[in-house]
Protein backbone atom coordinates (compact mmCIF):
# COMPACT_ATOMS: atom_id res chain seq x y z
CA UNK A 1 -23.00 -87.29 -6.19
CA UNK A 2 -22.72 -83.74 -4.83
CA UNK A 3 -25.74 -84.17 -2.61
CA UNK A 4 -24.38 -87.33 -1.05
CA UNK A 5 -21.02 -85.63 -0.49
CA UNK A 6 -22.65 -82.65 1.27
CA UNK A 7 -24.60 -85.01 3.49
CA UNK A 8 -21.40 -86.82 4.45
CA UNK A 9 -19.67 -83.51 5.19
CA UNK A 10 -22.54 -82.40 7.47
CA UNK A 11 -22.43 -85.75 9.23
CA UNK A 12 -18.69 -85.47 9.75
CA UNK A 13 -18.86 -81.87 10.92
CA UNK A 14 -21.55 -82.70 13.50
CA UNK A 15 -20.93 -85.99 15.23
CA UNK A 16 -24.05 -88.01 15.72
CA UNK A 17 -25.66 -86.51 12.62
CA UNK A 18 -27.61 -83.93 14.60
CA UNK A 19 -26.94 -80.25 13.75
CA UNK A 20 -26.56 -77.88 16.68
CA UNK A 21 -29.37 -75.67 17.95
CA UNK A 22 -29.89 -72.56 15.87
CA UNK A 23 -28.98 -74.28 12.59
CA UNK A 24 -31.66 -73.56 10.00
CA UNK A 25 -33.00 -76.72 8.47
CA UNK A 26 -33.88 -77.06 4.84
CA UNK A 27 -37.45 -78.27 5.38
CA UNK A 28 -40.48 -76.90 3.52
CA UNK A 29 -41.60 -74.65 6.46
CA UNK A 30 -38.15 -73.13 6.96
CA UNK A 31 -37.90 -72.24 3.30
CA UNK A 32 -40.46 -69.45 3.74
CA UNK A 33 -38.92 -68.21 7.01
CA UNK A 34 -42.28 -68.19 8.87
CA UNK A 35 -43.40 -70.88 11.28
CA UNK A 36 -46.85 -72.29 10.65
CA UNK A 37 -49.60 -71.21 13.04
CA UNK A 38 -51.00 -73.79 15.44
CA UNK A 39 -54.07 -75.66 14.33
CA UNK A 40 -56.09 -74.42 17.31
CA UNK A 41 -55.39 -70.79 16.45
CA UNK A 42 -56.45 -71.30 12.84
CA UNK A 43 -59.65 -73.03 13.91
CA UNK A 44 -60.40 -70.20 16.35
CA UNK A 45 -59.95 -67.54 13.67
CA UNK A 46 -62.12 -69.55 11.29
CA UNK A 47 -64.83 -69.82 13.96
CA UNK A 48 -64.74 -66.06 14.69
CA UNK A 49 -64.97 -65.13 11.01
CA UNK A 50 -67.77 -67.66 10.46
CA UNK A 51 -69.82 -66.19 13.32
CA UNK A 52 -69.25 -62.63 12.05
CA UNK A 53 -70.24 -63.52 8.50
CA UNK A 54 -73.31 -65.40 9.75
CA UNK A 55 -74.39 -62.43 11.89
CA UNK A 56 -73.89 -59.84 9.14
CA UNK A 57 -75.66 -62.06 6.62
CA UNK A 58 -78.70 -62.37 8.90
CA UNK A 59 -78.81 -58.59 9.43
CA UNK A 60 -78.59 -57.93 5.68
CA UNK A 61 -81.30 -60.49 4.95
CA UNK A 62 -83.64 -58.93 7.54
CA UNK A 63 -83.09 -55.45 6.09
CA UNK A 64 -83.60 -56.79 2.56
CA UNK A 65 -86.84 -58.48 3.65
CA UNK A 66 -88.24 -55.27 5.16
CA UNK A 67 -87.14 -53.20 2.15
CA UNK A 68 -88.69 -55.66 -0.31
CA UNK A 69 -91.95 -55.90 1.62
CA UNK A 70 -92.22 -52.09 1.74
CA UNK A 71 -92.51 -51.98 -2.06
CA UNK A 72 -94.44 -55.23 -2.59
CA UNK A 73 -98.05 -55.42 -3.78
CA UNK A 74 -98.59 -58.96 -2.47
CA UNK A 75 -96.02 -61.33 -0.99
CA UNK A 76 -97.38 -64.61 0.34
CA UNK A 77 -95.59 -67.92 -0.06
CA UNK A 78 -93.45 -66.90 -3.05
CA UNK A 79 -89.72 -66.18 -3.25
CA UNK A 80 -90.41 -62.71 -4.67
CA UNK A 81 -93.47 -60.42 -4.51
CA UNK A 82 -96.07 -60.50 -7.25
CA UNK A 83 -95.43 -56.84 -8.02
CA UNK A 84 -93.72 -53.68 -6.82
CA UNK A 85 -95.18 -50.29 -5.94
CA UNK A 86 -94.34 -47.15 -3.93
CA UNK A 87 -97.96 -46.73 -2.83
CA UNK A 88 -97.20 -47.90 0.72
CA UNK A 89 -94.82 -45.00 1.34
CA UNK A 90 -97.52 -42.48 0.47
CA UNK A 91 -100.04 -44.37 2.60
CA UNK A 92 -97.65 -44.50 5.57
CA UNK A 93 -97.03 -40.76 5.23
CA UNK A 94 -100.76 -40.08 5.48
CA UNK A 95 -101.87 -42.79 7.93
CA UNK A 96 -99.12 -42.20 10.50
CA UNK A 97 -98.99 -38.41 10.01
CA UNK A 98 -95.28 -38.52 9.33
CA UNK A 99 -95.10 -34.83 8.48
CA UNK A 100 -96.03 -33.84 12.05
CA UNK A 101 -93.87 -36.60 13.54
CA UNK A 102 -90.83 -35.51 11.53
CA UNK A 103 -91.39 -31.90 12.57
CA UNK A 104 -91.41 -32.91 16.24
CA UNK A 105 -88.32 -35.05 15.66
CA UNK A 106 -86.46 -32.14 14.08
CA UNK A 107 -87.46 -29.82 16.93
CA UNK A 108 -86.38 -32.28 19.64
CA UNK A 109 -83.11 -33.22 17.93
CA UNK A 110 -82.20 -29.61 17.11
CA UNK A 111 -82.87 -28.39 20.63
CA UNK A 112 -80.97 -31.26 22.22
CA UNK A 113 -77.93 -30.71 19.98
CA UNK A 114 -77.83 -26.94 20.59
CA UNK A 115 -78.31 -27.19 24.35
CA UNK A 116 -75.81 -30.03 24.66
CA UNK A 117 -73.14 -28.01 22.85
CA UNK A 118 -74.03 -24.82 24.72
CA UNK A 119 -73.66 -26.37 28.17
CA UNK A 120 -71.36 -29.29 27.43
CA UNK A 121 -68.44 -27.40 25.90
CA UNK A 122 -67.90 -25.05 28.91
CA UNK A 123 -68.21 -28.03 31.27
CA UNK A 124 -65.66 -29.98 29.24
CA UNK A 125 -63.34 -26.96 29.22
CA UNK A 126 -63.56 -26.70 33.01
CA UNK A 127 -62.86 -30.40 33.47
CA UNK A 128 -59.92 -30.28 31.06
CA UNK A 129 -58.27 -27.11 32.39
CA UNK A 130 -59.25 -26.63 36.04
CA UNK A 131 -57.93 -28.80 38.85
CA UNK A 132 -60.25 -28.89 41.86
CA UNK A 133 -61.02 -31.28 44.73
CA UNK A 134 -63.54 -33.93 43.76
CA UNK A 135 -62.82 -33.69 40.04
CA UNK A 136 -62.95 -37.46 39.60
CA UNK A 137 -66.27 -37.63 41.44
CA UNK A 138 -67.70 -34.88 39.23
CA UNK A 139 -66.49 -36.71 36.11
CA UNK A 140 -68.10 -39.91 37.38
CA UNK A 141 -71.42 -38.14 37.94
CA UNK A 142 -71.31 -36.67 34.45
CA UNK A 143 -70.59 -40.06 32.87
CA UNK A 144 -73.07 -42.03 34.99
CA UNK A 145 -75.99 -41.64 32.51
CA UNK A 146 -73.78 -43.14 29.80
CA UNK A 147 -72.80 -46.18 31.84
CA UNK A 148 -76.23 -46.92 33.34
CA UNK A 149 -79.02 -48.27 31.07
CA UNK A 150 -81.63 -45.55 30.34
CA UNK A 151 -84.47 -47.67 31.74
CA UNK A 152 -82.99 -47.60 35.26
CA UNK A 153 -83.28 -43.83 35.59
CA UNK A 154 -85.86 -43.19 32.88
CA UNK A 155 -88.82 -44.52 34.84
CA UNK A 156 -88.16 -42.44 38.03
CA UNK A 157 -87.44 -39.39 35.88
CA UNK A 158 -90.69 -39.84 33.96
CA UNK A 159 -92.58 -40.21 37.26
CA UNK A 160 -91.21 -36.89 38.49
CA UNK A 161 -92.06 -35.23 35.16
CA UNK A 162 -95.64 -36.45 35.32
CA UNK A 163 -96.00 -35.01 38.82
CA UNK A 164 -94.72 -31.56 37.83
CA UNK A 165 -96.56 -31.50 34.50
CA UNK A 166 -93.58 -31.76 32.12
CA UNK A 167 -94.36 -35.22 30.76
CA UNK A 168 -96.12 -35.22 27.42
CA UNK A 169 -94.78 -31.78 26.49
CA UNK A 170 -92.03 -30.85 24.07
CA UNK A 171 -89.78 -29.30 26.78
CA UNK A 172 -90.14 -32.50 28.81
CA UNK A 173 -89.00 -34.67 25.89
CA UNK A 174 -86.06 -32.33 25.23
CA UNK A 175 -85.07 -32.36 28.90
CA UNK A 176 -85.23 -36.16 29.05
CA UNK A 177 -82.99 -36.51 26.00
CA UNK A 178 -80.51 -33.99 27.46
CA UNK A 179 -79.74 -36.31 30.38
CA UNK A 180 -77.52 -38.69 28.33
CA UNK A 181 -76.62 -36.21 25.56
CA UNK A 182 -74.95 -33.60 27.76
CA UNK A 183 -72.46 -36.07 29.34
CA UNK A 184 -71.77 -37.47 25.88
CA UNK A 185 -70.70 -34.04 24.62
CA UNK A 186 -68.44 -33.67 27.67
CA UNK A 187 -66.88 -37.06 26.96
CA UNK A 188 -66.23 -36.18 23.30
CA UNK A 189 -65.04 -32.60 23.85
CA UNK A 190 -62.64 -33.20 26.74
CA UNK A 191 -59.92 -34.83 24.54
CA UNK A 192 -60.25 -32.03 21.98
CA UNK A 193 -59.70 -29.40 24.66
CA UNK A 194 -56.85 -31.25 26.35
CA UNK A 195 -54.82 -31.35 23.13
CA UNK A 196 -54.95 -27.52 22.81
CA UNK A 197 -51.76 -25.96 24.15
CA UNK A 198 -52.50 -23.89 27.30
CA UNK A 199 -49.68 -21.54 26.30
CA UNK A 200 -51.96 -20.13 23.60
CA UNK A 201 -54.09 -18.51 26.26
CA UNK A 202 -51.05 -17.01 27.97
CA UNK A 203 -49.80 -15.65 24.63
CA UNK A 204 -53.21 -14.13 23.90
CA UNK A 205 -53.22 -12.46 27.33
CA UNK A 206 -49.76 -11.03 26.71
CA UNK A 207 -50.93 -9.43 23.47
CA UNK A 208 -53.87 -7.81 25.29
CA UNK A 209 -56.75 -10.13 24.39
CA UNK A 210 -59.54 -10.32 26.94
CA UNK A 211 -61.59 -13.44 27.64
CA UNK A 212 -64.12 -12.76 24.87
CA UNK A 213 -61.45 -12.09 22.23
CA UNK A 214 -59.48 -15.16 23.28
CA UNK A 215 -62.59 -17.33 23.00
CA UNK A 216 -63.73 -15.74 19.71
CA UNK A 217 -60.46 -15.65 17.78
CA UNK A 218 -58.29 -18.38 19.37
CA UNK A 219 -60.25 -21.05 21.21
CA UNK A 220 -63.45 -21.26 19.15
CA UNK A 221 -61.76 -21.97 15.77
CA UNK A 222 -59.81 -24.79 17.42
CA UNK A 223 -62.95 -26.25 19.01
CA UNK A 224 -65.16 -26.14 15.91
CA UNK A 225 -64.12 -29.62 14.60
CA UNK A 226 -64.78 -31.19 17.99
CA UNK A 227 -68.10 -29.35 18.41
CA UNK A 228 -69.19 -30.45 14.94
CA UNK A 229 -68.30 -34.07 15.64
CA UNK A 230 -70.02 -34.02 19.05
CA UNK A 231 -73.13 -32.38 17.58
CA UNK A 232 -73.44 -34.96 14.81
CA UNK A 233 -73.00 -37.86 17.22
CA UNK A 234 -75.59 -36.41 19.61
CA UNK A 235 -77.95 -35.96 16.66
CA UNK A 236 -77.66 -39.62 15.72
CA UNK A 237 -78.07 -40.73 19.35
CA UNK A 238 -81.17 -38.56 19.86
CA UNK A 239 -82.86 -39.85 16.70
CA UNK A 240 -82.44 -43.40 17.99
CA UNK A 241 -83.16 -42.67 21.68
CA UNK A 242 -86.28 -44.74 22.35
CA UNK A 243 -86.57 -45.40 26.08
CA UNK A 244 -86.45 -41.85 27.49
CA UNK A 245 -88.61 -40.44 24.69
CA UNK A 246 -91.14 -43.25 25.10
CA UNK A 247 -91.45 -42.62 28.84
CA UNK A 248 -91.96 -38.85 28.54
CA UNK A 249 -93.63 -38.26 25.14
CA UNK A 250 -97.32 -37.65 24.63
CA UNK A 251 -99.61 -38.11 21.60
CA UNK A 252 -98.33 -34.92 19.97
CA UNK A 253 -94.68 -35.10 21.04
CA UNK A 254 -93.62 -38.47 19.66
CA UNK A 255 -90.41 -38.74 17.70
CA UNK A 256 -90.09 -41.04 14.71
CA UNK A 257 -88.74 -44.05 16.62
CA UNK A 258 -91.56 -43.90 19.20
CA UNK A 259 -94.19 -43.48 16.49
CA UNK A 260 -92.77 -46.54 14.74
CA UNK A 261 -93.14 -48.55 17.96
CA UNK A 262 -96.79 -47.51 18.34
CA UNK A 263 -97.45 -48.34 14.70
CA UNK A 264 -96.23 -51.89 15.24
CA UNK A 265 -97.71 -52.69 18.66
CA UNK A 266 -100.80 -50.50 19.05
CA UNK A 267 -104.28 -51.89 18.48
CA UNK A 268 -105.83 -51.90 15.05
CA UNK A 269 -105.27 -53.55 11.69
CA UNK A 270 -102.52 -52.05 9.56
CA UNK A 271 -100.88 -53.30 6.41
CA UNK A 272 -97.43 -54.74 7.07
CA UNK A 273 -96.13 -53.03 3.93
CA UNK A 274 -97.10 -49.63 5.32
CA UNK A 275 -95.31 -50.31 8.61
CA UNK A 276 -92.23 -51.54 6.76
CA UNK A 277 -92.28 -48.39 4.62
CA UNK A 278 -92.26 -46.31 7.82
CA UNK A 279 -89.36 -48.41 9.13
CA UNK A 280 -87.40 -47.82 5.93
CA UNK A 281 -87.96 -44.06 6.22
CA UNK A 282 -86.61 -44.14 9.78
CA UNK A 283 -83.63 -46.29 8.81
CA UNK A 284 -82.85 -44.10 5.80
CA UNK A 285 -82.84 -40.89 7.88
CA UNK A 286 -80.63 -42.47 10.54
CA UNK A 287 -78.25 -43.97 7.99
CA UNK A 288 -77.77 -40.64 6.22
CA UNK A 289 -76.79 -38.88 9.45
CA UNK A 290 -74.51 -41.76 10.49
CA UNK A 291 -72.64 -41.52 7.19
CA UNK A 292 -72.35 -37.75 7.59
CA UNK A 293 -71.03 -38.18 11.15
CA UNK A 294 -68.42 -40.72 10.00
CA UNK A 295 -67.02 -38.12 7.62
CA UNK A 296 -66.08 -35.89 10.57
CA UNK A 297 -65.19 -38.31 13.37
CA UNK A 298 -63.58 -41.74 13.42
CA UNK A 299 -65.08 -44.43 15.69
CA UNK A 300 -61.56 -45.15 17.05
CA UNK A 301 -60.63 -41.50 17.54
CA UNK A 302 -61.45 -41.31 21.25
CA UNK A 303 -59.79 -44.65 21.99
CA UNK A 304 -56.56 -43.66 20.21
CA UNK A 305 -56.43 -40.34 22.06
CA UNK A 306 -56.88 -42.06 25.39
CA UNK A 307 -54.01 -44.40 24.54
CA UNK A 308 -51.79 -41.47 23.49
CA UNK A 309 -52.47 -39.67 26.77
CA UNK A 310 -51.58 -42.80 28.74
CA UNK A 311 -48.29 -43.21 26.86
CA UNK A 312 -47.43 -39.55 27.43
CA UNK A 313 -48.18 -39.87 31.14
């Protein structure tokens, strides 16, 4: 009785039985206060998530296959291997001379990180603090090795190194890896330097600090987090840098990623389990350093800082 009366009152209050625009209806969708999303948008989101899940699942299955085969005794035509053993890791260590390869890898990565920080931080400081004609052109030249694929400039660079006798030597491999690593340090360090207040330098000068004291006691402690983050990221990039190292390395100057390539594609018969064990060693070393790097720098840190600078401008 009450419901019929309210319906009659609404009909009388709004001639024609149609409520005016802006009146909230009492339907099931309006009860929650949120309009339902279009069907096309929901299908698009479902498609994107399906593709992402499919891609990640394939990557995980490939890694699981390599990891399982690296500890398998025999694995032919069965869902699981007939047995498990760690013998292939010891055989890969001996057959591929991983001790010498890891020593070369440590030497190359350590030298590249130190030289990149040593030369990249002053260059980033100059680009962040000094205004000079052609600054945009200089920044473009510094960032060019990061935007261009390494193969495009790696082959001419390797040709020049072979002519002057640097190819196949440890300094040649270090120099080749410095080409993309040095601009990367500049790209990472520039936002860190730009967020430091320039008035700190003026205050240090007022209190009698010279350039060395200002750098030692004021600037360096502020730059240490950025230098640590840049060094870790360069370390991870250098471990995985294949093209430039492949073009310039010799038999005794191969890093782990190049040695893994030769183990897979060079002539000779090798057990697949041994090669997979070597691949797992490489992946484990890289994964450890990636996790360490993520503890000190966020992947979205540079993007957020660029956005903040644009909003401030």
